[in-house]
């Protein structure tokens, strides 16, 4: 089995208009999906990332330069990830289509993990 990262892309503040009840229902959909994948032995892990945008680290004139992560006007950020197991790219894509993140303007980047052993 291969491992794949599902990078969960979203527009900042895309959930800002949800009511507390809608937010709770959405979180439960993610939890149910995670439980289902775990029961099938296909979930390696996953987490939601904080909304603060994190830090970016780049080289500037050969030296590390840290800056704040994406700003609120950014068009796309990674809001979380799952790592799953799948036999091949086609199965990973099929499994990703069942993820509750795939809705509205949200999208999922599917990347095969290359084992470095």
PDB file of N, CA and C in Angstrom:
ATOM      1  N   UNK A   1       0.846  -1.192   0.000  1.00  0.00           N
ATOM      2  CA  UNK A   1       0.000   0.000   0.000  1.00  0.00           C
ATOM      3  C   UNK A   1       0.884   1.246   0.000  1.00  0.00           C
ATOM      4  N   UNK A   2       0.503   2.194  -0.805  1.00  0.00           N
ATOM      5  CA  UNK A   2       1.159   3.497  -0.825  1.00  0.00           C
ATOM      6  C   UNK A   2       0.494   4.408   0.201  1.00  0.00           C
ATOM      7  N   UNK A   3       1.232   5.421   0.623  1.00  0.00           N
ATOM      8  CA  UNK A   3       0.650   6.461   1.455  1.00  0.00           C
ATOM      9  C   UNK A   3       0.488   7.720   0.618  1.00  0.00           C
ATOM     10  N   UNK A   4      -0.590   8.443   0.881  1.00  0.00           N
ATOM     11  CA  UNK A   4      -0.891   9.685   0.179  1.00  0.00           C
ATOM     12  C   UNK A   4      -1.253  10.760   1.185  1.00  0.00           C
ATOM     13  N   UNK A   5      -0.777  11.962   0.943  1.00  0.00           N
ATOM     14  CA  UNK A   5      -1.223  13.111   1.735  1.00  0.00           C
ATOM     15  C   UNK A   5      -2.349  13.782   0.984  1.00  0.00           C
ATOM     16  N   UNK A   6      -3.408  14.041   1.685  1.00  0.00           N
ATOM     17  CA  UNK A   6      -4.504  14.844   1.163  1.00  0.00           C
ATOM     18  C   UNK A   6      -4.348  16.218   1.804  1.00  0.00           C
ATOM     19  N   UNK A   7      -3.898  17.192   1.021  1.00  0.00           N
ATOM     20  CA  UNK A   7      -3.730  18.554   1.520  1.00  0.00           C
ATOM     21  C   UNK A   7      -5.035  19.297   1.285  1.00  0.00           C
ATOM     22  N   UNK A   8      -5.635  19.770   2.354  1.00  0.00           N
ATOM     23  CA  UNK A   8      -6.972  20.349   2.310  1.00  0.00           C
ATOM     24  C   UNK A   8      -6.888  21.861   2.088  1.00  0.00           C
ATOM     25  N   UNK A   9      -7.096  22.281   0.853  1.00  0.00           N
ATOM     26  CA  UNK A   9      -7.017  23.692   0.482  1.00  0.00           C
ATOM     27  C   UNK A   9      -8.371  24.369   0.682  1.00  0.00           C
ATOM     28  N   UNK A  10      -8.288  25.612   1.150  1.00  0.00           N
ATOM     29  CA  UNK A  10      -9.506  26.387   1.363  1.00  0.00           C
ATOM     30  C   UNK A  10      -9.194  27.871   1.258  1.00  0.00           C
ATOM     31  N   UNK A  11     -10.222  28.667   1.097  1.00  0.00           N
ATOM     32  CA  UNK A  11     -10.088  30.117   1.098  1.00  0.00           C
ATOM     33  C   UNK A  11     -10.166  30.589   2.546  1.00  0.00           C
ATOM     34  N   UNK A  12      -9.242  31.446   2.978  1.00  0.00           N
ATOM     35  CA  UNK A  12      -9.311  31.942   4.353  1.00  0.00           C
ATOM     36  C   UNK A  12     -10.693  32.509   4.661  1.00  0.00           C
ATOM     37  N   UNK A  13     -11.136  32.292   5.833  1.00  0.00           N
ATOM     38  CA  UNK A  13     -12.430  32.784   6.325  1.00  0.00           C
ATOM     39  C   UNK A  13     -13.619  32.144   5.621  1.00  0.00           C
ATOM     40  N   UNK A  14     -13.402  31.036   4.900  1.00  0.00           N
ATOM     41  CA  UNK A  14     -14.531  30.403   4.207  1.00  0.00           C
ATOM     42  C   UNK A  14     -15.553  29.830   5.180  1.00  0.00           C
ATOM     43  N   UNK A  15     -15.155  29.632   6.422  1.00  0.00           N
ATOM     44  CA  UNK A  15     -16.068  29.084   7.416  1.00  0.00           C
ATOM     45  C   UNK A  15     -16.595  30.150   8.370  1.00  0.00           C
ATOM     46  N   UNK A  16     -16.193  31.398   8.165  1.00  0.00           N
ATOM     47  CA  UNK A  16     -16.555  32.476   9.091  1.00  0.00           C
ATOM     48  C   UNK A  16     -18.058  32.687   9.210  1.00  0.00           C
ATOM     49  N   UNK A  17     -18.792  32.399   8.160  1.00  0.00           N
ATOM     50  CA  UNK A  17     -20.231  32.657   8.186  1.00  0.00           C
ATOM     51  C   UNK A  17     -21.041  31.497   8.773  1.00  0.00           C
ATOM     52  N   UNK A  18     -20.374  30.403   9.142  1.00  0.00           N
ATOM     53  CA  UNK A  18     -21.110  29.261   9.698  1.00  0.00           C
ATOM     54  C   UNK A  18     -21.567  29.556  11.117  1.00  0.00           C
ATOM     55  N   UNK A  19     -22.758  29.127  11.430  1.00  0.00           N
ATOM     56  CA  UNK A  19     -23.255  29.247  12.798  1.00  0.00           C
ATOM     57  C   UNK A  19     -22.549  28.207  13.667  1.00  0.00           C
ATOM     58  N   UNK A  20     -22.600  28.340  14.982  1.00  0.00           N
ATOM     59  CA  UNK A  20     -22.004  27.320  15.846  1.00  0.00           C
ATOM     60  C   UNK A  20     -22.560  25.921  15.569  1.00  0.00           C
ATOM     61  N   UNK A  21     -23.854  25.826  15.300  1.00  0.00           N
ATOM     62  CA  UNK A  21     -24.454  24.518  15.004  1.00  0.00           C
ATOM     63  C   UNK A  21     -23.920  23.954  13.690  1.00  0.00           C
ATOM     64  N   UNK A  22     -23.772  24.820  12.682  1.00  0.00           N
ATOM     65  CA  UNK A  22     -23.231  24.370  11.396  1.00  0.00           C
ATOM     66  C   UNK A  22     -21.770  23.945  11.528  1.00  0.00           C
ATOM     67  N   UNK A  23     -21.013  24.683  12.334  1.00  0.00           N
ATOM     68  CA  UNK A  23     -19.611  24.340  12.577  1.00  0.00           C
ATOM     69  C   UNK A  23     -19.514  22.983  13.265  1.00  0.00           C
ATOM     70  N   UNK A  24     -20.349  22.763  14.273  1.00  0.00           N
ATOM     71  CA  UNK A  24     -20.351  21.489  14.986  1.00  0.00           C
ATOM     72  C   UNK A  24     -20.702  20.342  14.036  1.00  0.00           C
ATOM     73  N   UNK A  25     -21.676  20.543  13.168  1.00  0.00           N
ATOM     74  CA  UNK A  25     -22.086  19.508  12.215  1.00  0.00           C
ATOM     75  C   UNK A  25     -20.961  19.210  11.225  1.00  0.00           C
ATOM     76  N   UNK A  26     -20.272  20.244  10.776  1.00  0.00           N
ATOM     77  CA  UNK A  26     -19.151  20.066   9.847  1.00  0.00           C
ATOM     78  C   UNK A  26     -18.017  19.280  10.508  1.00  0.00           C
ATOM     79  N   UNK A  27     -17.683  19.639  11.730  1.00  0.00           N
ATOM     80  CA  UNK A  27     -16.630  18.926  12.464  1.00  0.00           C
ATOM     81  C   UNK A  27     -17.010  17.461  12.621  1.00  0.00           C
ATOM     82  N   UNK A  28     -18.261  17.175  12.898  1.00  0.00           N
ATOM     83  CA  UNK A  28     -18.706  15.790  13.047  1.00  0.00           C
ATOM     84  C   UNK A  28     -18.588  15.020  11.733  1.00  0.00           C
ATOM     85  N   UNK A  29     -18.839  15.692  10.605  1.00  0.00           N
ATOM     86  CA  UNK A  29     -18.656  15.021   9.303  1.00  0.00           C
ATOM     87  C   UNK A  29     -17.205  14.629   9.090  1.00  0.00           C
ATOM     88  N   UNK A  30     -16.267  15.494   9.445  1.00  0.00           N
ATOM     89  CA  UNK A  30     -14.838  15.166   9.346  1.00  0.00           C
ATOM     90  C   UNK A  30     -14.490  14.011  10.278  1.00  0.00           C
ATOM     91  N   UNK A  31     -14.993  14.060  11.503  1.00  0.00           N
ATOM     92  CA  UNK A  31     -14.708  12.978  12.466  1.00  0.00           C
ATOM     93  C   UNK A  31     -15.272  11.650  11.993  1.00  0.00           C
ATOM     94  N   UNK A  32     -16.490  11.665  11.462  1.00  0.00           N
ATOM     95  CA  UNK A  32     -17.117  10.426  10.969  1.00  0.00           C
ATOM     96  C   UNK A  32     -16.312   9.860   9.804  1.00  0.00           C
ATOM     97  N   UNK A  33     -15.874  10.714   8.903  1.00  0.00           N
ATOM     98  CA  UNK A  33     -15.068  10.269   7.763  1.00  0.00           C
ATOM     99  C   UNK A  33     -13.757   9.662   8.261  1.00  0.00           C
ATOM    100  N   UNK A  34     -13.126  10.332   9.218  1.00  0.00           N
ATOM    101  CA  UNK A  34     -11.869   9.829   9.787  1.00  0.00           C
ATOM    102  C   UNK A  34     -12.069   8.477  10.456  1.00  0.00           C
ATOM    103  N   UNK A  35     -13.139   8.339  11.237  1.00  0.00           N
ATOM    104  CA  UNK A  35     -13.420   7.052  11.888  1.00  0.00           C
ATOM    105  C   UNK A  35     -13.627   5.951  10.858  1.00  0.00           C
ATOM    106  N   UNK A  36     -14.401   6.250   9.818  1.00  0.00           N
ATOM    107  CA  UNK A  36     -14.672   5.276   8.765  1.00  0.00           C
ATOM    108  C   UNK A  36     -13.373   4.840   8.091  1.00  0.00           C
ATOM    109  N   UNK A  37     -12.513   5.792   7.771  1.00  0.00           N
ATOM    110  CA  UNK A  37     -11.231   5.460   7.136  1.00  0.00           C
ATOM    111  C   UNK A  37     -10.351   4.654   8.087  1.00  0.00           C
ATOM    112  N   UNK A  38     -10.336   5.011   9.362  1.00  0.00           N
ATOM    113  CA  UNK A  38      -9.534   4.277  10.351  1.00  0.00           C
ATOM    114  C   UNK A  38     -10.040   2.850  10.510  1.00  0.00           C
ATOM    115  N   UNK A  39     -11.356   2.671  10.558  1.00  0.00           N
ATOM    116  CA  UNK A  39     -11.934   1.328  10.686  1.00  0.00           C
ATOM    117  C   UNK A  39     -11.552   0.444   9.512  1.00  0.00           C
ATOM    118  N   UNK A  40     -11.360   1.022   8.344  1.00  0.00           N
ATOM    119  CA  UNK A  40     -10.956   0.282   7.151  1.00  0.00           C
ATOM    120  C   UNK A  40      -9.435   0.111   7.063  1.00  0.00           C
ATOM    121  N   UNK A  41      -8.701   0.663   8.037  1.00  0.00           N
ATOM    122  CA  UNK A  41      -7.249   0.573   8.045  1.00  0.00           C
ATOM    123  C   UNK A  41      -6.581   1.464   7.015  1.00  0.00           C
ATOM    124  N   UNK A  42      -7.278   2.519   6.584  1.00  0.00           N
ATOM    125  CA  UNK A  42      -6.763   3.374   5.517  1.00  0.00           C
ATOM    126  C   UNK A  42      -6.293   4.741   6.000  1.00  0.00           C
ATOM    127  N   UNK A  43      -6.515   5.076   7.259  1.00  0.00           N
ATOM    128  CA  UNK A  43      -6.118   6.379   7.779  1.00  0.00           C
ATOM    129  C   UNK A  43      -4.805   6.250   8.532  1.00  0.00           C
ATOM    130  N   UNK A  44      -3.797   6.982   8.105  1.00  0.00           N
ATOM    131  CA  UNK A  44      -2.516   7.024   8.805  1.00  0.00           C
ATOM    132  C   UNK A  44      -2.559   8.123   9.856  1.00  0.00           C
ATOM    133  N   UNK A  45      -3.137   9.269   9.508  1.00  0.00           N
ATOM    134  CA  UNK A  45      -3.234  10.384  10.442  1.00  0.00           C
ATOM    135  C   UNK A  45      -3.809  11.597   9.759  1.00  0.00           C
ATOM    136  N   UNK A  46      -3.889  12.679  10.498  1.00  0.00           N
ATOM    137  CA  UNK A  46      -4.380  13.928   9.941  1.00  0.00           C
ATOM    138  C   UNK A  46      -4.712  14.913  11.033  1.00  0.00           C
ATOM    139  N   UNK A  47      -4.633  16.167  10.693  1.00  0.00           N
ATOM    140  CA  UNK A  47      -4.926  17.223  11.658  1.00  0.00           C
ATOM    141  C   UNK A  47      -5.412  18.465  10.933  1.00  0.00           C
ATOM    142  N   UNK A  48      -6.151  19.301  11.645  1.00  0.00           N
ATOM    143  CA  UNK A  48      -6.499  20.627  11.167  1.00  0.00           C
ATOM    144  C   UNK A  48      -5.335  21.529  11.536  1.00  0.00           C
ATOM    145  N   UNK A  49      -4.982  22.436  10.660  1.00  0.00           N
ATOM    146  CA  UNK A  49      -3.935  23.401  10.956  1.00  0.00           C
ATOM    147  C   UNK A  49      -4.566  24.657  11.534  1.00  0.00           C
ATOM    148  N   UNK A  50      -3.802  25.377  12.348  1.00  0.00           N
ATOM    149  CA  UNK A  50      -4.329  26.594  12.960  1.00  0.00           C
ATOM    150  C   UNK A  50      -4.649  27.628  11.894  1.00  0.00           C
ATOM    151  N   UNK A  51      -5.531  28.546  12.236  1.00  0.00           N
ATOM    152  CA  UNK A  51      -5.979  29.566  11.296  1.00  0.00           C
ATOM    153  C   UNK A  51      -5.027  30.755  11.199  1.00  0.00           C
ATOM    154  N   UNK A  52      -3.951  30.752  11.974  1.00  0.00           N
ATOM    155  CA  UNK A  52      -3.074  31.919  12.005  1.00  0.00           C
ATOM    156  C   UNK A  52      -2.151  32.036  10.794  1.00  0.00           C
ATOM    157  N   UNK A  53      -2.112  31.040   9.924  1.00  0.00           N
ATOM    158  CA  UNK A  53      -1.289  31.124   8.715  1.00  0.00           C
ATOM    159  C   UNK A  53       0.132  30.644   8.891  1.00  0.00           C
ATOM    160  N   UNK A  54       0.583  30.442  10.128  1.00  0.00           N
ATOM    161  CA  UNK A  54       1.926  29.909  10.355  1.00  0.00           C
ATOM    162  C   UNK A  54       3.016  30.868   9.923  1.00  0.00           C
ATOM    163  N   UNK A  55       4.170  30.306   9.615  1.00  0.00           N
ATOM    164  CA  UNK A  55       5.339  31.086   9.197  1.00  0.00           C
ATOM    165  C   UNK A  55       5.855  30.525   7.886  1.00  0.00           C
ATOM    166  N   UNK A  56       6.376  31.384   7.053  1.00  0.00           N
ATOM    167  CA  UNK A  56       7.031  30.982   5.806  1.00  0.00           C
ATOM    168  C   UNK A  56       8.526  31.173   5.995  1.00  0.00           C
ATOM    169  N   UNK A  57       9.301  30.212   5.532  1.00  0.00           N
ATOM    170  CA  UNK A  57      10.750  30.303   5.631  1.00  0.00           C
ATOM    171  C   UNK A  57      11.332  30.166   4.238  1.00  0.00           C
ATOM    172  N   UNK A  58      12.052  31.199   3.809  1.00  0.00           N
ATOM    173  CA  UNK A  58      12.671  31.220   2.482  1.00  0.00           C
ATOM    174  C   UNK A  58      14.112  31.681   2.634  1.00  0.00           C
ATOM    175  N   UNK A  59      14.892  31.466   1.590  1.00  0.00           N
ATOM    176  CA  UNK A  59      16.242  32.016   1.562  1.00  0.00           C
ATOM    177  C   UNK A  59      16.207  33.369   0.865  1.00  0.00           C
ATOM    178  N   UNK A  60      16.843  34.351   1.474  1.00  0.00           N
ATOM    179  CA  UNK A  60      16.995  35.678   0.883  1.00  0.00           C
ATOM    180  C   UNK A  60      18.470  36.025   0.985  1.00  0.00           C
ATOM    181  N   UNK A  61      19.107  36.184  -0.154  1.00  0.00           N
ATOM    182  CA  UNK A  61      20.550  36.445  -0.201  1.00  0.00           C
ATOM    183  C   UNK A  61      21.309  35.344   0.538  1.00  0.00           C
ATOM    184  N   UNK A  62      20.827  34.106   0.405  1.00  0.00           N
ATOM    185  CA  UNK A  62      21.506  32.956   1.001  1.00  0.00           C
ATOM    186  C   UNK A  62      21.264  32.755   2.484  1.00  0.00           C
ATOM    187  N   UNK A  63      20.419  33.579   3.093  1.00  0.00           N
ATOM    188  CA  UNK A  63      20.146  33.471   4.527  1.00  0.00           C
ATOM    189  C   UNK A  63      18.662  33.212   4.745  1.00  0.00           C
ATOM    190  N   UNK A  64      18.329  32.403   5.773  1.00  0.00           N
ATOM    191  CA  UNK A  64      16.912  32.142   6.058  1.00  0.00           C
ATOM    192  C   UNK A  64      16.181  33.427   6.440  1.00  0.00           C
ATOM    193  N   UNK A  65      15.001  33.593   5.864  1.00  0.00           N
ATOM    194  CA  UNK A  65      14.153  34.738   6.165  1.00  0.00           C
ATOM    195  C   UNK A  65      12.768  34.212   6.497  1.00  0.00           C
ATOM    196  N   UNK A  66      12.315  34.472   7.712  1.00  0.00           N
ATOM    197  CA  UNK A  66      10.991  34.027   8.154  1.00  0.00           C
ATOM    198  C   UNK A  66      10.009  35.179   8.031  1.00  0.00           C
ATOM    199  N   UNK A  67       8.775  34.851   7.622  1.00  0.00           N
ATOM    200  CA  UNK A  67       7.723  35.855   7.534  1.00  0.00           C
ATOM    201  C   UNK A  67       6.407  35.224   7.945  1.00  0.00           C
ATOM    202  N   UNK A  68       5.418  36.082   8.178  1.00  0.00           N
ATOM    203  CA  UNK A  68       4.090  35.576   8.516  1.00  0.00           C
ATOM    204  C   UNK A  68       3.538  34.784   7.349  1.00  0.00           C
ATOM    205  N   UNK A  69       2.650  33.847   7.668  1.00  0.00           N
ATOM    206  CA  UNK A  69       2.014  33.023   6.650  1.00  0.00           C
ATOM    207  C   UNK A  69       1.021  33.807   5.826  1.00  0.00           C
ATOM    208  N   UNK A  70       0.155  33.124   5.118  1.00  0.00           N
ATOM    209  CA  UNK A  70      -0.780  33.811   4.221  1.00  0.00           C
ATOM    210  C   UNK A  70      -1.635  34.827   4.963  1.00  0.00           C
ATOM    211  N   UNK A  71      -1.913  35.906   4.294  1.00  0.00           N
ATOM    212  CA  UNK A  71      -2.770  36.937   4.864  1.00  0.00           C
ATOM    213  C   UNK A  71      -4.227  36.623   4.548  1.00  0.00           C
ATOM    214  N   UNK A  72      -5.125  37.325   5.196  1.00  0.00           N
ATOM    215  CA  UNK A  72      -6.563  37.061   5.030  1.00  0.00           C
ATOM    216  C   UNK A  72      -7.021  37.204   3.584  1.00  0.00           C
ATOM    217  N   UNK A  73      -6.320  38.041   2.808  1.00  0.00           N
ATOM    218  CA  UNK A  73      -6.732  38.211   1.422  1.00  0.00           C
ATOM    219  C   UNK A  73      -6.154  37.133   0.504  1.00  0.00           C
ATOM    220  N   UNK A  74      -5.407  36.194   1.068  1.00  0.00           N
ATOM    221  CA  UNK A  74      -4.855  35.098   0.257  1.00  0.00           C
ATOM    222  C   UNK A  74      -6.006  34.313  -0.377  1.00  0.00           C
ATOM    223  N   UNK A  75      -5.770  33.831  -1.571  1.00  0.00           N
ATOM    224  CA  UNK A  75      -6.814  33.095  -2.276  1.00  0.00           C
ATOM    225  C   UNK A  75      -6.904  31.645  -1.837  1.00  0.00           C
ATOM    226  N   UNK A  76      -5.826  31.100  -1.269  1.00  0.00           N
ATOM    227  CA  UNK A  76      -5.810  29.684  -0.981  1.00  0.00           C
ATOM    228  C   UNK A  76      -4.800  29.395   0.120  1.00  0.00           C
ATOM    229  N   UNK A  77      -5.206  28.609   1.107  1.00  0.00           N
ATOM    230  CA  UNK A  77      -4.296  28.145   2.148  1.00  0.00           C
ATOM    231  C   UNK A  77      -4.555  26.663   2.383  1.00  0.00           C
ATOM    232  N   UNK A  78      -3.590  25.992   2.984  1.00  0.00           N
ATOM    233  CA  UNK A  78      -3.784  24.610   3.406  1.00  0.00           C
ATOM    234  C   UNK A  78      -4.318  24.674   4.834  1.00  0.00           C
ATOM    235  N   UNK A  79      -5.549  24.207   5.019  1.00  0.00           N
ATOM    236  CA  UNK A  79      -6.198  24.284   6.321  1.00  0.00           C
ATOM    237  C   UNK A  79      -6.043  23.023   7.152  1.00  0.00           C
ATOM    238  N   UNK A  80      -5.520  21.959   6.550  1.00  0.00           N
ATOM    239  CA  UNK A  80      -5.317  20.710   7.264  1.00  0.00           C
ATOM    240  C   UNK A  80      -4.865  19.632   6.302  1.00  0.00           C
ATOM    241  N   UNK A  81      -4.734  18.443   6.823  1.00  0.00           N
ATOM    242  CA  UNK A  81      -4.276  17.338   5.983  1.00  0.00           C
ATOM    243  C   UNK A  81      -4.733  16.006   6.554  1.00  0.00           C
ATOM    244  N   UNK A  82      -4.788  15.024   5.706  1.00  0.00           N
ATOM    245  CA  UNK A  82      -4.942  13.630   6.102  1.00  0.00           C
ATOM    246  C   UNK A  82      -3.852  12.853   5.379  1.00  0.00           C
ATOM    247  N   UNK A  83      -3.353  11.827   6.012  1.00  0.00           N
ATOM    248  CA  UNK A  83      -2.476  10.870   5.341  1.00  0.00           C
ATOM    249  C   UNK A  83      -3.242   9.559   5.304  1.00  0.00           C
ATOM    250  N   UNK A  84      -3.372   9.016   4.097  1.00  0.00           N
ATOM    251  CA  UNK A  84      -4.167   7.802   3.912  1.00  0.00           C
ATOM    252  C   UNK A  84      -3.328   6.735   3.217  1.00  0.00           C
ATOM    253  N   UNK A  85      -3.836   5.516   3.226  1.00  0.00           N
ATOM    254  CA  UNK A  85      -3.240   4.409   2.493  1.00  0.00           C
ATOM    255  C   UNK A  85      -4.148   4.078   1.312  1.00  0.00           C
ATOM    256  N   UNK A  86      -3.524   3.806   0.170  1.00  0.00           N
ATOM    257  CA  UNK A  86      -4.275   3.411  -1.022  1.00  0.00           C
ATOM    258  C   UNK A  86      -3.361   2.569  -1.906  1.00  0.00           C
ATOM    259  N   UNK A  87      -3.965   1.686  -2.662  1.00  0.00           N
ATOM    260  CA  UNK A  87      -3.200   0.802  -3.540  1.00  0.00           C
ATOM    261  C   UNK A  87      -2.507   1.569  -4.651  1.00  0.00           C
ATOM    262  N   UNK A  88      -3.169   2.617  -5.172  1.00  0.00           N
ATOM    263  CA  UNK A  88      -2.613   3.364  -6.299  1.00  0.00           C
ATOM    264  C   UNK A  88      -3.254   4.754  -6.359  1.00  0.00           C
ATOM    265  N   UNK A  89      -2.812   5.544  -7.346  1.00  0.00           N
ATOM    266  CA  UNK A  89      -3.319   6.913  -7.491  1.00  0.00           C
ATOM    267  C   UNK A  89      -4.835   6.949  -7.675  1.00  0.00           C
ATOM    268  N   UNK A  90      -5.353   6.011  -8.449  1.00  0.00           N
ATOM    269  CA  UNK A  90      -6.798   5.989  -8.721  1.00  0.00           C
ATOM    270  C   UNK A  90      -7.589   5.749  -7.438  1.00  0.00           C
ATOM    271  N   UNK A  91      -7.127   4.825  -6.605  1.00  0.00           N
ATOM    272  CA  UNK A  91      -7.832   4.573  -5.345  1.00  0.00           C
ATOM    273  C   UNK A  91      -7.715   5.771  -4.412  1.00  0.00           C
ATOM    274  N   UNK A  92      -6.544   6.408  -4.371  1.00  0.00           N
ATOM    275  CA  UNK A  92      -6.377   7.595  -3.525  1.00  0.00           C
ATOM    276  C   UNK A  92      -7.345   8.686  -3.955  1.00  0.00           C
ATOM    277  N   UNK A  93      -7.478   8.876  -5.252  1.00  0.00           N
ATOM    278  CA  UNK A  93      -8.410   9.884  -5.758  1.00  0.00           C
ATOM    279  C   UNK A  93      -9.844   9.527  -5.398  1.00  0.00           C
ATOM    280  N   UNK A  94     -10.202   8.268  -5.546  1.00  0.00           N
ATOM    281  CA  UNK A  94     -11.565   7.839  -5.212  1.00  0.00           C
ATOM    282  C   UNK A  94     -11.838   8.069  -3.726  1.00  0.00           C
ATOM    283  N   UNK A  95     -10.881   7.723  -2.861  1.00  0.00           N
ATOM    284  CA  UNK A  95     -11.071   7.929  -1.426  1.00  0.00           C
ATOM    285  C   UNK A  95     -11.187   9.418  -1.103  1.00  0.00           C
ATOM    286  N   UNK A  96     -10.388  10.250  -1.777  1.00  0.00           N
ATOM    287  CA  UNK A  96     -10.432  11.689  -1.532  1.00  0.00           C
ATOM    288  C   UNK A  96     -11.784  12.285  -1.906  1.00  0.00           C
ATOM    289  N   UNK A  97     -12.451  11.702  -2.905  1.00  0.00           N
ATOM    290  CA  UNK A  97     -13.763  12.238  -3.294  1.00  0.00           C
ATOM    291  C   UNK A  97     -14.803  12.061  -2.197  1.00  0.00           C
ATOM    292  N   UNK A  98     -14.555  11.153  -1.252  1.00  0.00           N
ATOM    293  CA  UNK A  98     -15.504  10.938  -0.158  1.00  0.00           C
ATOM    294  C   UNK A  98     -15.230  11.841   1.042  1.00  0.00           C
ATOM    295  N   UNK A  99     -14.127  12.577   1.019  1.00  0.00           N
ATOM    296  CA  UNK A  99     -13.750  13.447   2.138  1.00  0.00           C
ATOM    297  C   UNK A  99     -14.699  14.638   2.202  1.00  0.00           C
ATOM    298  N   UNK A 100     -15.197  14.974   3.393  1.00  0.00           N
ATOM    299  CA  UNK A 100     -16.140  16.089   3.508  1.00  0.00           C
ATOM    300  C   UNK A 100     -15.531  17.443   3.142  1.00  0.00           C
ATOM    301  N   UNK A 101     -14.230  17.523   3.050  1.00  0.00           N
ATOM    302  CA  UNK A 101     -13.607  18.801   2.696  1.00  0.00           C
ATOM    303  C   UNK A 101     -13.930  19.218   1.263  1.00  0.00           C
ATOM    304  N   UNK A 102     -14.181  18.255   0.418  1.00  0.00           N
ATOM    305  CA  UNK A 102     -14.422  18.524  -0.997  1.00  0.00           C
ATOM    306  C   UNK A 102     -15.841  19.071  -1.175  1.00  0.00           C
ATOM    307  N   UNK A 103     -15.979  20.384  -0.979  1.00  0.00           N
ATOM    308  CA  UNK A 103     -17.275  21.041  -1.116  1.00  0.00           C
ATOM    309  C   UNK A 103     -17.046  22.517  -1.384  1.00  0.00           C
ATOM    310  N   UNK A 104     -18.032  23.154  -1.982  1.00  0.00           N
ATOM    311  CA  UNK A 104     -17.917  24.584  -2.264  1.00  0.00           C
ATOM    312  C   UNK A 104     -16.669  24.888  -3.063  1.00  0.00           C
ATOM    313  N   UNK A 105     -15.891  25.858  -2.591  1.00  0.00           N
ATOM    314  CA  UNK A 105     -14.648  26.226  -3.278  1.00  0.00           C
ATOM    315  C   UNK A 105     -13.432  25.481  -2.739  1.00  0.00           C
ATOM    316  N   UNK A 106     -13.621  24.639  -1.726  1.00  0.00           N
ATOM    317  CA  UNK A 106     -12.515  23.862  -1.170  1.00  0.00           C
ATOM    318  C   UNK A 106     -12.040  22.836  -2.188  1.00  0.00           C
ATOM    319  N   UNK A 107     -10.761  22.499  -2.122  1.00  0.00           N
ATOM    320  CA  UNK A 107     -10.243  21.458  -2.993  1.00  0.00           C
ATOM    321  C   UNK A 107      -9.161  20.681  -2.254  1.00  0.00           C
ATOM    322  N   UNK A 108      -8.843  19.506  -2.790  1.00  0.00           N
ATOM    323  CA  UNK A 108      -7.898  18.592  -2.154  1.00  0.00           C
ATOM    324  C   UNK A 108      -6.756  18.304  -3.120  1.00  0.00           C
ATOM    325  N   UNK A 109      -5.552  18.516  -2.637  1.00  0.00           N
ATOM    326  CA  UNK A 109      -4.354  18.146  -3.392  1.00  0.00           C
ATOM    327  C   UNK A 109      -3.934  16.755  -2.920  1.00  0.00           C
ATOM    328  N   UNK A 110      -3.749  15.833  -3.840  1.00  0.00           N
ATOM    329  CA  UNK A 110      -3.388  14.457  -3.508  1.00  0.00           C
ATOM    330  C   UNK A 110      -1.929  14.248  -3.897  1.00  0.00           C
ATOM    331  N   UNK A 111      -1.090  13.912  -2.909  1.00  0.00           N
ATOM    332  CA  UNK A 111       0.329  13.707  -3.164  1.00  0.00           C
ATOM    333  C   UNK A 111       0.767  12.372  -2.596  1.00  0.00           C
ATOM    334  N   UNK A 112       1.387  11.557  -3.442  1.00  0.00           N
ATOM    335  CA  UNK A 112       1.921  10.268  -2.971  1.00  0.00           C
ATOM    336  C   UNK A 112       3.163  10.544  -2.126  1.00  0.00           C
ATOM    337  N   UNK A 113       3.257   9.856  -0.999  1.00  0.00           N
ATOM    338  CA  UNK A 113       4.413   9.981  -0.119  1.00  0.00           C
ATOM    339  C   UNK A 113       5.520   9.062  -0.644  1.00  0.00           C
ATOM    340  N   UNK A 114       6.678   9.634  -0.856  1.00  0.00           N
ATOM    341  CA  UNK A 114       7.825   8.838  -1.288  1.00  0.00           C
ATOM    342  C   UNK A 114       8.601   8.405  -0.056  1.00  0.00           C
ATOM    343  N   UNK A 115       8.649   7.103   0.165  1.00  0.00           N
ATOM    344  CA  UNK A 115       9.329   6.572   1.349  1.00  0.00           C
ATOM    345  C   UNK A 115      10.825   6.809   1.230  1.00  0.00           C
ATOM    346  N   UNK A 116      11.405   7.398   2.259  1.00  0.00           N
ATOM    347  CA  UNK A 116      12.816   7.735   2.240  1.00  0.00           C
ATOM    348  C   UNK A 116      13.592   6.866   3.238  1.00  0.00           C
ATOM    349  N   UNK A 117      13.607   5.565   3.012  1.00  0.00           N
ATOM    350  CA  UNK A 117      14.308   4.690   3.963  1.00  0.00           C
ATOM    351  C   UNK A 117      15.515   4.058   3.351  1.00  0.00           C
TER     352      UNK A 117
END
